[in-house]
Protein backbone atom coordinates (compact mmCIF):
# COMPACT_ATOMS: atom_id res chain seq x y z
CA MET A 1 125.24 131.86 -11.30
CA THR A 2 122.00 134.29 -11.54
CA HIS A 3 118.98 134.59 -9.82
CA THR A 4 115.94 135.90 -10.52
CA THR A 5 113.87 138.97 -8.51
CA SER A 6 110.48 137.54 -8.91
CA ALA A 7 108.26 135.69 -6.22
CA PRO A 8 109.70 132.25 -5.45
CA ARG A 9 108.19 129.03 -7.31
CA ASP A 10 106.41 127.02 -4.85
CA ILE A 11 106.66 122.96 -4.29
CA THR A 12 104.63 121.28 -2.08
CA CYS A 13 105.85 117.85 -0.31
CA ASP A 14 105.45 115.88 2.54
CA LEU A 15 109.44 115.57 3.49
CA LEU A 16 112.19 117.87 2.52
CA VAL A 17 115.36 116.65 2.94
CA VAL A 18 118.40 118.98 3.07
CA GLY A 19 121.59 116.97 1.78
CA SER A 20 122.33 114.24 -0.45
CA GLY A 21 124.96 111.93 1.46
CA ALA A 22 123.95 108.74 3.11
CA GLY A 23 122.18 110.15 5.49
CA GLY A 24 119.96 112.60 3.97
CA LEU A 25 119.29 109.65 0.94
CA SER A 26 118.59 106.89 3.65
CA THR A 27 116.05 109.01 5.20
CA ALA A 28 114.18 109.99 2.10
CA ILE A 29 113.96 106.18 0.80
CA VAL A 30 112.52 105.06 3.98
CA ALA A 31 109.83 107.71 4.23
CA LYS A 32 109.01 107.65 0.33
CA LYS A 33 108.65 103.70 0.61
CA HIS A 34 106.31 104.24 3.47
CA GLY A 35 103.91 106.54 1.61
CA LEU A 36 105.51 109.93 1.57
CA ASP A 37 106.02 112.27 -0.88
CA VAL A 38 109.86 113.38 -0.52
CA VAL A 39 111.87 116.33 -2.01
CA VAL A 40 115.91 116.34 -1.44
CA ILE A 41 117.88 119.39 -2.35
CA GLU A 42 121.88 119.63 -2.49
CA LYS A 43 123.72 123.32 -2.84
CA GLU A 44 126.77 121.46 -4.60
CA PRO A 45 126.87 120.62 -8.41
CA PHE A 46 126.74 116.53 -7.60
CA PHE A 47 124.82 114.46 -5.09
CA GLY A 48 126.60 111.81 -2.84
CA GLY A 49 128.16 114.16 0.06
CA THR A 50 131.04 113.38 2.02
CA THR A 51 129.50 109.71 1.11
CA ALA A 52 130.89 109.86 -2.16
CA TYR A 53 134.41 110.45 -1.10
CA SER A 54 134.22 107.76 1.94
CA GLY A 55 135.53 104.24 2.38
CA GLY A 56 131.59 102.92 2.10
CA VAL A 57 132.02 100.87 5.25
CA LEU A 58 129.53 100.59 7.60
CA TRP A 59 129.97 99.68 11.62
CA ILE A 60 126.77 97.11 12.11
CA PRO A 61 126.90 95.39 15.11
CA GLY A 62 125.06 91.85 14.34
CA ASN A 63 124.58 92.41 11.14
CA ALA A 64 123.94 89.60 8.36
CA HIS A 65 127.40 89.34 6.82
CA GLY A 66 129.38 89.09 9.44
CA ARG A 67 127.46 86.62 11.96
CA ALA A 68 129.55 83.96 10.07
CA HIS A 69 132.68 85.85 11.04
CA ALA A 70 132.01 86.83 14.62
CA PRO A 71 129.93 84.44 16.63
CA GLN A 72 131.32 86.18 19.42
CA ASP A 73 129.57 89.22 18.86
CA SER A 74 126.31 90.39 20.26
CA ARG A 75 124.30 93.46 21.39
CA ALA A 76 125.06 93.01 24.73
CA ALA A 77 128.97 93.01 23.68
CA ALA A 78 128.46 95.94 21.44
CA MET A 79 127.05 97.78 24.21
CA THR A 80 130.02 96.77 26.39
CA TYR A 81 132.56 98.29 23.92
CA LEU A 82 130.29 101.62 23.26
CA ARG A 83 129.95 102.33 26.62
CA ASP A 84 133.66 102.00 26.94
CA GLN A 85 134.55 103.94 24.30
CA ALA A 86 132.07 106.80 24.86
CA GLY A 87 133.40 107.32 27.92
CA PRO A 88 131.50 109.93 30.14
CA PHE A 89 129.48 110.85 26.91
CA PHE A 90 127.65 107.42 26.75
CA ASP A 91 123.99 108.32 25.55
CA GLU A 92 122.14 104.55 26.81
CA ALA A 93 119.13 105.68 25.22
CA ALA A 94 120.68 106.58 21.76
CA VAL A 95 123.19 103.70 21.23
CA GLY A 96 120.39 101.23 22.32
CA ALA A 97 118.16 102.42 19.50
CA PHE A 98 121.30 102.57 17.16
CA LEU A 99 122.19 98.66 18.15
CA ASP A 100 118.28 97.69 18.31
CA HIS A 101 117.77 99.04 14.35
CA ALA A 102 121.21 98.44 12.72
CA PRO A 103 120.66 95.35 11.32
CA GLU A 104 117.25 95.82 10.74
CA MET A 105 118.17 98.55 8.44
CA VAL A 106 120.67 96.56 6.64
CA ALA A 107 118.41 93.95 5.90
CA TRP A 108 115.41 96.25 4.88
CA PHE A 109 117.64 98.35 2.13
CA GLU A 110 119.07 94.98 0.84
CA ARG A 111 115.34 93.95 0.21
CA GLU A 112 114.10 96.78 -0.85
CA THR A 113 116.25 98.92 -2.28
CA ASP A 114 119.36 98.68 -4.83
CA VAL A 115 121.97 99.32 -1.67
CA LYS A 116 124.09 95.95 -1.35
CA PHE A 117 126.75 95.28 0.78
CA VAL A 118 129.49 92.61 1.31
CA PRO A 119 131.29 91.32 4.46
CA THR A 120 135.00 92.89 5.43
CA MET A 121 137.44 91.35 7.63
CA TYR A 122 138.04 94.45 9.44
CA PRO A 123 138.65 94.13 13.04
CA ASP A 124 137.13 96.65 15.77
CA TYR A 125 139.74 99.64 15.92
CA HIS A 126 140.26 98.74 19.72
CA PRO A 127 139.68 95.19 19.52
CA ASP A 128 141.15 94.59 23.18
CA ALA A 129 138.89 96.42 25.10
CA PRO A 130 135.98 95.31 26.50
CA GLY A 131 133.23 94.09 24.15
CA GLY A 132 135.95 94.48 21.04
CA VAL A 133 135.64 92.10 18.41
CA ASP A 134 138.73 91.11 15.73
CA ILE A 135 136.30 90.86 13.02
CA GLY A 136 132.56 90.95 11.54
CA ARG A 137 131.17 94.25 12.44
CA SER A 138 132.11 96.16 9.48
CA ILE A 139 130.28 95.98 6.12
CA LEU A 140 131.24 97.44 2.57
CA ALA A 141 128.95 99.28 0.07
CA ALA A 142 129.48 96.66 -3.40
CA PRO A 143 131.22 97.76 -6.15
CA TYR A 144 128.57 99.55 -9.20
CA ASP A 145 128.25 100.08 -12.57
CA ALA A 146 127.71 103.87 -12.19
CA ARG A 147 125.84 103.58 -15.82
CA GLY A 148 123.27 102.44 -14.20
CA LEU A 149 122.09 105.58 -13.29
CA GLY A 150 121.81 106.79 -16.68
CA ALA A 151 122.25 110.37 -17.32
CA GLU A 152 122.21 111.20 -13.95
CA ILE A 153 125.65 110.01 -13.46
CA ARG A 154 127.16 113.14 -14.60
CA ARG A 155 125.61 114.63 -11.26
CA LEU A 156 127.03 111.60 -9.11
CA ARG A 157 130.31 113.33 -7.12
CA PRO A 158 133.68 112.18 -8.29
CA PRO A 159 135.60 109.89 -6.07
CA LEU A 160 138.41 111.90 -4.17
CA ALA A 161 141.01 112.60 -7.01
CA THR A 162 144.56 112.03 -4.73
CA ILE A 163 143.21 108.24 -3.79
CA THR A 164 142.45 107.19 -7.44
CA PHE A 165 144.64 106.63 -10.23
CA ILE A 166 143.85 109.30 -13.15
CA GLY A 167 140.26 108.89 -11.72
CA MET A 168 140.35 104.80 -11.32
CA MET A 169 138.79 103.29 -8.26
CA PHE A 170 140.07 100.37 -7.04
CA ASN A 171 138.48 96.87 -5.90
CA SER A 172 137.99 97.03 -1.88
CA SER A 173 139.84 93.63 -2.03
CA ASN A 174 143.18 95.17 -2.91
CA ALA A 175 143.41 92.95 -5.92
CA ASP A 176 143.64 95.78 -8.17
CA LEU A 177 146.37 97.14 -6.10
CA LYS A 178 148.49 93.86 -6.18
CA HIS A 179 148.43 93.53 -9.81
CA PHE A 180 149.32 97.50 -10.65
CA PHE A 181 152.29 96.85 -7.83
CA ASN A 182 153.55 93.83 -9.85
CA ALA A 183 153.28 95.20 -13.27
CA THR A 184 156.56 94.87 -13.91
CA LYS A 185 157.27 91.85 -12.27
CA SER A 186 154.47 89.40 -13.46
CA ILE A 187 153.09 88.79 -17.00
CA ALA A 188 149.63 88.37 -15.46
CA SER A 189 149.88 91.29 -13.87
CA ALA A 190 150.75 93.57 -16.80
CA ALA A 191 148.16 91.99 -18.74
CA TYR A 192 145.54 92.85 -16.12
CA VAL A 193 147.02 96.40 -15.61
CA ALA A 194 146.51 96.73 -19.25
CA ARG A 195 142.96 95.42 -19.64
CA ARG A 196 141.96 97.84 -16.60
CA LEU A 197 143.09 100.79 -18.29
CA ALA A 198 142.11 100.34 -21.52
CA GLY A 199 138.46 100.13 -20.14
CA HIS A 200 139.25 102.57 -18.06
CA PHE A 201 140.41 104.87 -20.72
CA LYS A 202 137.17 103.79 -22.84
CA ASP A 203 135.02 104.93 -19.88
CA LEU A 204 136.77 108.25 -19.84
CA LEU A 205 136.25 109.09 -23.19
CA LEU A 206 132.31 108.17 -23.16
CA TYR A 207 131.35 109.16 -19.63
CA ARG A 208 134.03 111.43 -18.69
CA ARG A 209 134.77 109.47 -15.58
CA GLY A 210 135.47 106.25 -14.46
CA VAL A 211 132.17 104.01 -14.34
CA GLN A 212 133.37 101.32 -12.26
CA VAL A 213 133.03 102.52 -8.76
CA THR A 214 133.82 101.08 -5.06
CA SER A 215 133.47 102.17 -1.80
CA GLY A 216 131.54 105.35 -0.90
CA ASN A 217 131.18 105.89 -4.45
CA ALA A 218 129.14 103.11 -4.80
CA LEU A 219 127.08 103.39 -1.76
CA ALA A 220 126.37 106.93 -3.12
CA ALA A 221 125.49 105.80 -6.66
CA ARG A 222 123.71 102.88 -5.30
CA LEU A 223 121.25 105.03 -2.58
CA ALA A 224 120.91 107.84 -5.56
CA LYS A 225 119.61 105.26 -7.92
CA SER A 226 117.45 104.06 -5.24
CA CYS A 227 115.74 107.27 -5.16
CA PHE A 228 115.33 107.75 -8.80
CA ASP A 229 113.85 104.71 -9.22
CA LEU A 230 111.22 105.70 -6.53
CA GLY A 231 110.64 109.27 -8.11
CA ILE A 232 112.27 111.13 -5.39
CA PRO A 233 113.84 114.00 -6.92
CA ILE A 234 117.30 115.33 -6.09
CA HIS A 235 117.78 118.95 -6.77
CA THR A 236 121.49 120.10 -6.87
CA GLU A 237 122.94 123.48 -6.96
CA ALA A 238 120.04 124.07 -4.54
CA ALA A 239 120.61 125.78 -1.34
CA ALA A 240 118.55 125.93 1.66
CA ARG A 241 118.97 129.69 2.83
CA GLU A 242 116.23 130.06 5.49
CA LEU A 243 113.28 127.77 7.18
CA LEU A 244 110.09 128.35 6.68
CA LEU A 245 107.88 128.47 10.38
CA ARG A 246 104.20 128.76 10.91
CA GLY A 247 103.06 128.44 14.14
CA GLY A 248 106.18 127.48 15.77
CA LYS A 249 106.17 124.47 13.52
CA VAL A 250 109.16 124.25 10.77
CA THR A 251 106.92 123.53 7.32
CA GLY A 252 109.48 123.95 4.92
CA ALA A 253 112.49 126.11 3.55
CA LEU A 254 113.14 128.84 1.28
CA VAL A 255 115.84 127.38 -1.44
CA ARG A 256 118.23 129.33 -3.64
CA GLY A 257 118.42 127.37 -7.08
CA LYS A 258 120.96 127.86 -10.15
CA ASP A 259 118.37 129.87 -11.51
CA GLU A 260 115.71 130.85 -9.51
CA GLU A 261 114.09 131.15 -5.75
CA LEU A 262 112.23 128.12 -4.65
CA ARG A 263 109.39 127.88 -1.56
CA ILE A 264 109.29 124.29 -0.49
CA THR A 265 106.63 123.69 1.81
CA ALA A 266 107.23 120.62 3.89
CA ARG A 267 104.26 119.25 5.43
CA ARG A 268 105.87 116.76 7.58
CA GLY A 269 108.51 119.07 8.23
CA VAL A 270 112.38 119.35 7.12
CA VAL A 271 115.34 116.66 7.59
CA LEU A 272 119.02 118.63 7.95
CA ALA A 273 121.71 116.29 6.48
CA CYS A 274 124.20 119.07 5.40
CA GLY A 275 127.17 116.76 6.57
CA GLY A 276 127.96 118.87 9.59
CA TYR A 277 130.67 121.52 9.40
CA PRO A 278 134.35 120.75 8.39
CA HIS A 279 134.60 123.78 6.32
CA ASP A 280 132.96 126.25 8.99
CA VAL A 281 136.22 128.50 9.36
CA GLU A 282 134.68 130.34 12.66
CA ARG A 283 133.13 127.29 13.95
CA ILE A 284 135.98 124.70 13.61
CA THR A 285 138.65 127.59 14.52
CA ARG A 286 136.80 127.90 17.93
CA THR A 287 136.47 123.83 18.79
CA TYR A 288 139.86 122.42 16.94
CA PRO A 289 142.88 122.69 19.46
CA HIS A 290 145.71 123.09 16.60
CA LEU A 291 143.72 125.92 15.16
CA GLN A 292 143.46 127.55 18.24
CA ARG A 293 147.20 127.59 18.58
CA GLY A 294 147.30 128.86 14.95
CA GLY A 295 148.09 125.19 13.13
CA GLU A 296 146.93 124.28 9.73
CA HIS A 297 144.00 121.83 9.02
CA LEU A 298 143.06 120.54 5.52
CA SER A 299 140.01 118.68 5.02
CA PRO A 300 139.71 116.12 2.35
CA VAL A 301 135.72 116.38 2.91
CA PRO A 302 133.54 118.51 0.31
CA THR A 303 134.15 122.19 0.79
CA GLY A 304 130.42 122.62 0.50
CA ASN A 305 130.19 121.32 4.25
CA THR A 306 129.87 124.88 5.93
CA GLY A 307 127.36 123.53 8.87
CA ASP A 308 124.49 125.09 6.90
CA GLY A 309 122.14 123.02 9.06
CA LEU A 310 123.58 123.54 12.31
CA LYS A 311 123.43 127.42 11.34
CA LEU A 312 119.55 127.17 9.67
CA ALA A 313 118.58 125.28 13.32
CA GLU A 314 120.19 127.99 15.46
CA ARG A 315 118.67 130.63 14.11
CA ILE A 316 115.07 129.28 15.30
CA GLY A 317 116.24 127.99 18.41
CA ALA A 318 117.75 124.56 18.32
CA LYS A 319 120.64 123.90 20.08
CA VAL A 320 124.28 122.70 18.74
CA ASP A 321 125.56 120.19 21.26
CA MET A 322 129.91 121.36 21.42
CA ARG A 323 130.09 118.69 24.04
CA PHE A 324 133.63 117.16 22.15
CA GLU A 325 135.21 120.05 21.63
CA GLY A 326 138.88 119.57 21.90
CA GLU A 327 140.82 116.21 20.83
CA GLY A 328 136.88 114.66 20.04
CA ALA A 329 135.69 117.27 18.36
CA ALA A 330 136.02 115.58 14.92
CA ALA A 331 136.99 112.45 13.47
CA TRP A 332 140.92 112.97 12.94
CA MET A 333 142.91 112.38 9.61
CA PRO A 334 146.29 113.04 9.25
CA VAL A 335 146.39 114.42 5.28
CA SER A 336 149.49 115.92 3.38
CA ARG A 337 149.29 119.02 0.95
CA VAL A 338 149.84 117.58 -2.38
CA PRO A 339 150.80 120.25 -5.12
CA LEU A 340 148.61 119.75 -8.23
CA PRO A 341 148.78 121.47 -11.93
CA GLY A 342 147.75 124.97 -12.67
CA GLY A 343 148.82 126.04 -8.70
CA ARG A 344 146.38 124.11 -7.23
CA PHE A 345 146.62 121.48 -4.34
CA GLY A 346 144.63 118.22 -3.13
CA VAL A 347 144.70 116.22 0.22
CA PHE A 348 145.82 113.22 0.20
CA PRO A 349 144.44 111.01 3.44
CA HIS A 350 146.97 109.06 4.81
CA LEU A 351 144.88 105.82 5.36
CA LEU A 352 147.22 103.15 4.49
CA ASP A 353 150.90 103.98 4.25
CA ARG A 354 151.13 104.44 7.92
CA TYR A 355 150.39 100.59 8.69
CA LYS A 356 153.42 99.41 6.65
CA PRO A 357 156.67 97.96 8.03
CA GLY A 358 159.68 100.40 7.49
CA ILE A 359 157.57 103.27 8.00
CA ILE A 360 157.81 105.45 11.14
CA GLY A 361 156.40 109.06 12.24
CA VAL A 362 158.22 111.69 13.76
CA LEU A 363 157.66 115.39 15.13
CA ARG A 364 159.69 117.67 14.73
CA ASN A 365 161.92 117.27 17.54
CA GLY A 366 162.76 114.12 15.58
CA ARG A 367 161.13 111.67 17.75
CA ARG A 368 158.48 109.25 17.66
CA PHE A 369 155.40 109.75 19.85
CA THR A 370 152.64 107.29 18.92
CA ASN A 371 152.06 103.86 17.41
CA GLU A 372 151.80 104.63 13.98
CA SER A 373 149.69 101.41 12.60
CA ASN A 374 146.69 103.01 15.30
CA SER A 375 143.52 104.26 13.52
CA TYR A 376 143.59 107.63 11.92
CA HIS A 377 141.76 109.24 14.37
CA ASN A 378 143.94 107.87 17.01
CA VAL A 379 146.99 108.83 15.50
CA GLY A 380 145.44 112.01 14.53
CA ALA A 381 143.98 112.73 18.58
CA ALA A 382 147.97 111.75 19.71
CA MET A 383 149.49 114.43 17.07
CA ILE A 384 147.13 117.26 18.52
CA ALA A 385 148.07 116.02 22.01
CA ALA A 386 152.04 115.78 21.01
CA CYS A 387 152.21 119.26 19.94
CA ARG A 388 150.41 121.02 22.54
CA GLY A 389 152.01 124.21 23.31
CA GLN A 390 153.45 124.75 19.86
CA ARG A 391 152.56 126.61 16.86
CA GLU A 392 152.84 123.73 14.20
CA THR A 393 150.51 120.19 14.52
CA ALA A 394 152.36 118.35 12.25
CA MET A 395 154.97 114.98 11.78
CA TRP A 396 156.89 113.43 8.96
CA LEU A 397 156.38 109.98 8.20
CA VAL A 398 160.09 108.43 7.25
CA CYS A 399 161.55 105.63 5.17
CA ASP A 400 164.52 104.32 3.01
CA ARG A 401 164.27 103.82 -0.22
CA ALA A 402 163.41 99.85 -0.51
CA THR A 403 160.34 101.14 1.62
CA ILE A 404 158.98 103.80 -0.80
CA ALA A 405 159.98 101.76 -3.61
CA LYS A 406 157.27 98.79 -2.11
CA TYR A 407 154.66 100.91 -0.76
CA GLY A 408 154.84 104.08 -1.56
CA LEU A 409 154.51 107.19 0.79
CA GLY A 410 151.58 109.23 0.45
CA PHE A 411 150.82 110.72 -3.07
CA ALA A 412 154.14 109.20 -4.06
CA LYS A 413 153.16 105.66 -5.74
CA PRO A 414 155.46 102.66 -5.33
CA SER A 415 158.31 101.66 -8.06
CA PRO A 416 158.13 101.80 -10.85
CA MET A 417 156.39 105.27 -10.65
CA PRO A 418 159.18 107.79 -10.55
CA LEU A 419 159.66 110.08 -7.53
CA GLY A 420 161.76 113.14 -9.11
CA GLY A 421 158.58 115.75 -9.86
CA LEU A 422 157.20 115.23 -6.28
CA VAL A 423 160.59 115.97 -4.84
CA ARG A 424 161.11 119.09 -7.21
CA LYS A 425 157.67 120.34 -6.21
CA GLY A 426 158.48 119.92 -2.76
CA TYR A 427 156.01 117.44 -1.44
CA LEU A 428 158.62 114.63 -1.35
CA PHE A 429 161.72 115.50 0.81
CA LYS A 430 164.91 113.13 -0.05
CA GLY A 431 168.24 113.11 2.12
CA ARG A 432 171.27 110.96 1.13
CA THR A 433 171.87 110.47 5.10
CA LEU A 434 169.15 110.95 7.92
CA ALA A 435 171.05 113.93 8.79
CA GLU A 436 170.79 115.47 5.44
CA LEU A 437 166.73 114.55 5.42
CA GLY A 438 166.50 116.37 8.68
CA ARG A 439 168.38 119.50 7.38
CA ALA A 440 165.76 119.21 4.30
CA THR A 441 162.59 119.05 6.26
CA GLY A 442 163.55 121.13 9.54
CA ILE A 443 163.39 117.67 11.56
CA ASP A 444 166.07 117.42 14.50
CA ALA A 445 168.89 115.91 12.47
CA GLN A 446 170.70 114.41 15.69
CA ALA A 447 167.52 113.58 17.13
CA LEU A 448 166.31 111.83 14.19
CA GLU A 449 169.38 109.62 13.70
CA ALA A 450 169.16 108.46 17.49
CA THR A 451 165.46 107.72 17.15
CA VAL A 452 166.52 105.26 13.99
CA ARG A 453 168.69 103.69 15.95
CA GLU A 454 166.65 103.07 18.70
CA TYR A 455 163.68 101.69 16.78
CA ASN A 456 165.89 99.55 14.47
CA ALA A 457 167.22 98.13 17.37
CA GLY A 458 163.75 96.27 18.31
CA ALA A 459 162.54 96.30 14.43
CA GLU A 460 165.30 93.73 13.30
CA HIS A 461 163.11 91.32 15.25
CA GLY A 462 159.77 92.47 14.67
CA VAL A 463 159.44 94.42 17.61
CA ASP A 464 158.69 98.08 18.30
CA ALA A 465 159.46 98.27 22.37
CA GLN A 466 158.53 101.89 22.46
CA PHE A 467 154.73 101.77 21.09
CA GLY A 468 153.93 98.27 20.41
CA ARG A 469 153.14 98.43 16.61
CA GLY A 470 151.72 95.28 15.44
CA THR A 471 150.22 93.90 19.09
CA THR A 472 146.67 94.12 17.98
CA ALA A 473 144.39 92.82 15.24
CA PHE A 474 143.38 96.09 13.64
CA ASN A 475 147.47 96.97 13.58
CA ARG A 476 148.23 94.17 11.19
CA TYR A 477 145.29 94.20 9.37
CA LEU A 478 146.42 96.90 6.76
CA ALA A 479 149.75 95.94 7.29
CA ASP A 480 152.07 93.98 5.14
CA PRO A 481 151.14 89.90 5.81
CA GLU A 482 153.81 88.67 3.90
CA HIS A 483 156.62 90.80 5.99
CA LYS A 484 157.60 88.41 8.88
CA PRO A 485 157.44 88.45 12.07
CA ASN A 486 155.22 91.29 12.23
CA PRO A 487 153.35 92.78 9.85
CA CYS A 488 153.82 96.28 10.78
CA VAL A 489 157.37 96.28 12.00
CA ALA A 490 160.99 96.56 9.97
CA PRO A 491 163.91 98.54 10.43
CA ILE A 492 164.97 101.51 8.22
CA GLY A 493 167.71 100.15 6.08
CA LYS A 494 170.28 102.14 3.78
CA GLY A 495 169.68 105.68 2.14
CA PRO A 496 168.55 107.54 0.14
CA TYR A 497 165.91 108.55 2.73
CA TYR A 498 162.69 110.30 2.37
CA ALA A 499 159.88 111.85 4.20
CA VAL A 500 156.20 113.40 3.82
CA LYS A 501 155.03 116.30 6.05
CA VAL A 502 151.67 115.44 7.17
CA VAL A 503 149.20 117.85 8.76
CA MET A 504 145.90 117.52 10.66
CA GLY A 505 142.78 116.98 8.90
CA ASP A 506 139.10 115.31 9.37
CA LEU A 507 136.84 113.01 8.06
CA GLY A 508 133.84 114.73 9.70
CA THR A 509 132.85 116.37 12.61
CA PHE A 510 131.58 114.84 16.16
CA ASP A 511 129.63 117.49 17.67
CA GLY A 512 126.29 118.75 16.20
CA LEU A 513 122.53 119.32 16.94
CA ARG A 514 121.03 117.97 19.77
CA THR A 515 118.24 115.67 18.88
CA ASP A 516 116.43 112.95 20.37
CA THR A 517 116.53 108.89 19.18
CA VAL A 518 114.38 109.34 16.23
CA GLY A 519 115.96 112.50 15.01
CA GLN A 520 113.52 115.20 16.33
CA VAL A 521 115.92 118.65 16.72
CA LEU A 522 115.66 119.53 20.20
CA ARG A 523 115.96 123.06 22.00
CA ASP A 524 118.34 124.02 25.22
CA ASP A 525 115.32 123.12 27.40
CA GLY A 526 114.93 119.77 25.85
CA SER A 527 111.96 120.46 24.09
CA ALA A 528 111.63 119.58 20.28
CA VAL A 529 111.67 121.98 17.63
CA SER A 530 108.17 120.58 16.22
CA GLY A 531 108.64 119.50 12.43
CA LEU A 532 112.60 119.78 12.15
CA PHE A 533 114.86 116.70 12.25
CA ALA A 534 118.50 116.20 11.88
CA VAL A 535 120.41 112.94 10.59
CA GLY A 536 123.91 112.07 9.25
CA ASN A 537 127.02 114.75 10.54
CA ASP A 538 124.42 117.16 11.35
CA ARG A 539 123.30 115.03 14.25
CA ALA A 540 125.90 114.89 17.49
CA SER A 541 127.72 111.79 16.93
CA ILE A 542 126.68 108.85 19.40
CA MET A 543 130.53 108.04 19.91
CA GLY A 544 131.55 110.48 22.38
CA GLY A 545 134.47 111.79 20.43
CA ASN A 546 135.73 108.55 20.08
CA TYR A 547 136.57 106.42 16.81
CA PRO A 548 135.79 103.00 17.70
CA GLY A 549 135.80 101.00 14.14
CA ALA A 550 135.49 101.12 10.71
CA GLY A 551 132.25 102.75 9.65
CA ILE A 552 131.06 104.39 12.87
CA THR A 553 129.80 107.46 10.94
CA LEU A 554 128.12 105.69 7.99
CA GLY A 555 126.75 102.94 10.29
CA PRO A 556 124.79 105.09 12.39
CA ASN A 557 123.91 107.59 9.55
CA MET A 558 121.99 105.24 8.08
CA THR A 559 120.53 103.94 10.98
CA PHE A 560 119.32 107.00 12.41
CA GLY A 561 117.91 107.89 8.80
CA TYR A 562 116.05 104.79 8.73
CA ILE A 563 114.75 105.62 12.15
CA THR A 564 113.72 109.14 11.12
CA GLY A 565 112.28 107.97 7.81
CA ARG A 566 109.90 105.34 9.84
CA PHE A 567 109.40 107.66 12.46
CA VAL A 568 108.12 110.80 9.83
CA ALA A 569 105.99 108.26 8.33
CA GLY A 570 104.20 107.28 11.55
CA MET A 571 106.09 104.03 11.71
CA GLU A 572 108.31 104.46 14.59
CA ARG A 573 107.51 104.80 17.89
CA GLN A 574 107.55 108.07 20.04
CA PRO A 575 110.42 108.71 22.32
CA ALA A 576 109.50 108.27 25.88
CA ASP A 577 110.71 111.66 26.67
CA GLN A 578 109.35 113.33 23.80
CA PRO A 579 106.41 115.91 24.59
CA ALA A 580 103.28 114.44 23.05
CA GLN A 581 102.31 117.76 21.52
CA ALA A 582 104.94 118.04 19.13
CA VAL A 583 104.64 114.61 18.20
CA HIS A 584 100.70 115.22 17.80
CA GLU A 585 101.09 118.21 15.11
CA MET A 586 103.72 116.76 12.95
CA ARG A 587 101.95 113.28 12.34
CA HIS A 588 98.02 115.18 12.07
CA ALA A 589 100.05 117.90 9.70
CA ALA A 590 97.88 119.07 6.80
């Protein structure tokens, strides 16, 4: 990249948004719809942020899509649930703002933009907790044909490569996956797969990527399309390097572009939406317990999420809340390191395999330590706690030949896909016996054999006496409904046996900038930094370091983006505890 030494080029707007994930783009769209001139900058070559890698699910209590399925849901029930889940970090004002505006936000985006959602059957992750429900609070971005972006399709961040099949995304209903799994057993499935592959290869030839996008890629594409339709520019390869101040008010930013320096003046202020700090090595080493003791961490989120928003704000006196340090610092995701061509590696998030019957997770001591069918965050927190006092935070997912053939294991695909290459590359471990598998992995072989015997005694009858797998609606949701009597539990049978080493990763950070309910960034003394706002993962999570349900990141991110966009445009009420002078200065900016 080259940079000129001439004076920066000036751009003027009402609002500058730094970051192009769901939080930033939501804010931009709402502000533009309410009459403001908005500019979005993104330091990466692609727009979409972490959203484009995500599942595209939003947790929205009381949403219109879920009402038919969840008549027991209510604002009071959701408030009770979040009070329980956030524990000592419960913030009634912030949670109340979220619950009041979230359904309204969804309805507004579906009415005013290209953003569309479909219902899901996801239970809350802790449905048996006070206020929890078995269905209805999570919604999903509707699939999208990315050709609707026109030439801008080249700048849409591709999905995470390790969870696609040669770049092909699968339908959220899992219908695609079922056909792919049955392609060698069913003529109808074989024909379906052939059609899908033919269409996908054609798209690769024409567009150099898949165009039938789902999940978070669909949400990012829909938000970006709405921006472009409104005339909101999204400048990629444009990194904010310094906030501009005038009379104590944030008035824009100096930006390093691909080939030039920019001075962007923003009359109403700047919104930080840079995706938190999962790749800020210094900060995560301080706050992640497994890194404090020397362990490994592999985050599958975009590598550009290096805490830029937090650093920019800290330099002018803003407060970063580090309340959740420890086992609640981030949205934990168990991951494995995938060998790729050319000596590279990818990160595989273990989203589905842990729920399947016949797969268990053990530590190096050969013992199980948690219910493997709990949420990724709960399993991650349990890993961190179970490995306390050890240098390495890791588990091994273990199964037999029949199970890996049926469900796969991590990046290893089900039959008929071959496994030998992954064994040779050291991703997949194999042993003719459990003892041999133990020696190959470094797991205590005798303890592993004893663990499997103990587990199998109950698993023969569909019972996990030790950790209760399959006893909640969420445990069962991602398991195998055709396996009886317990979709999460089956004995480990005959060898050969397989294992994958799993280490700690995250889906994003929970700590962030301290804000009021409308997103104004606050100093340590509680006063607002005039003209500076934060949304998305740059803003401290309202979940208290917990992970209550599918979409608890994107749901609040879009909702608070909606609130902040309205506030900057003069459509949202001033918080009761906000100094009036800061609001007056922002609303009456030149």
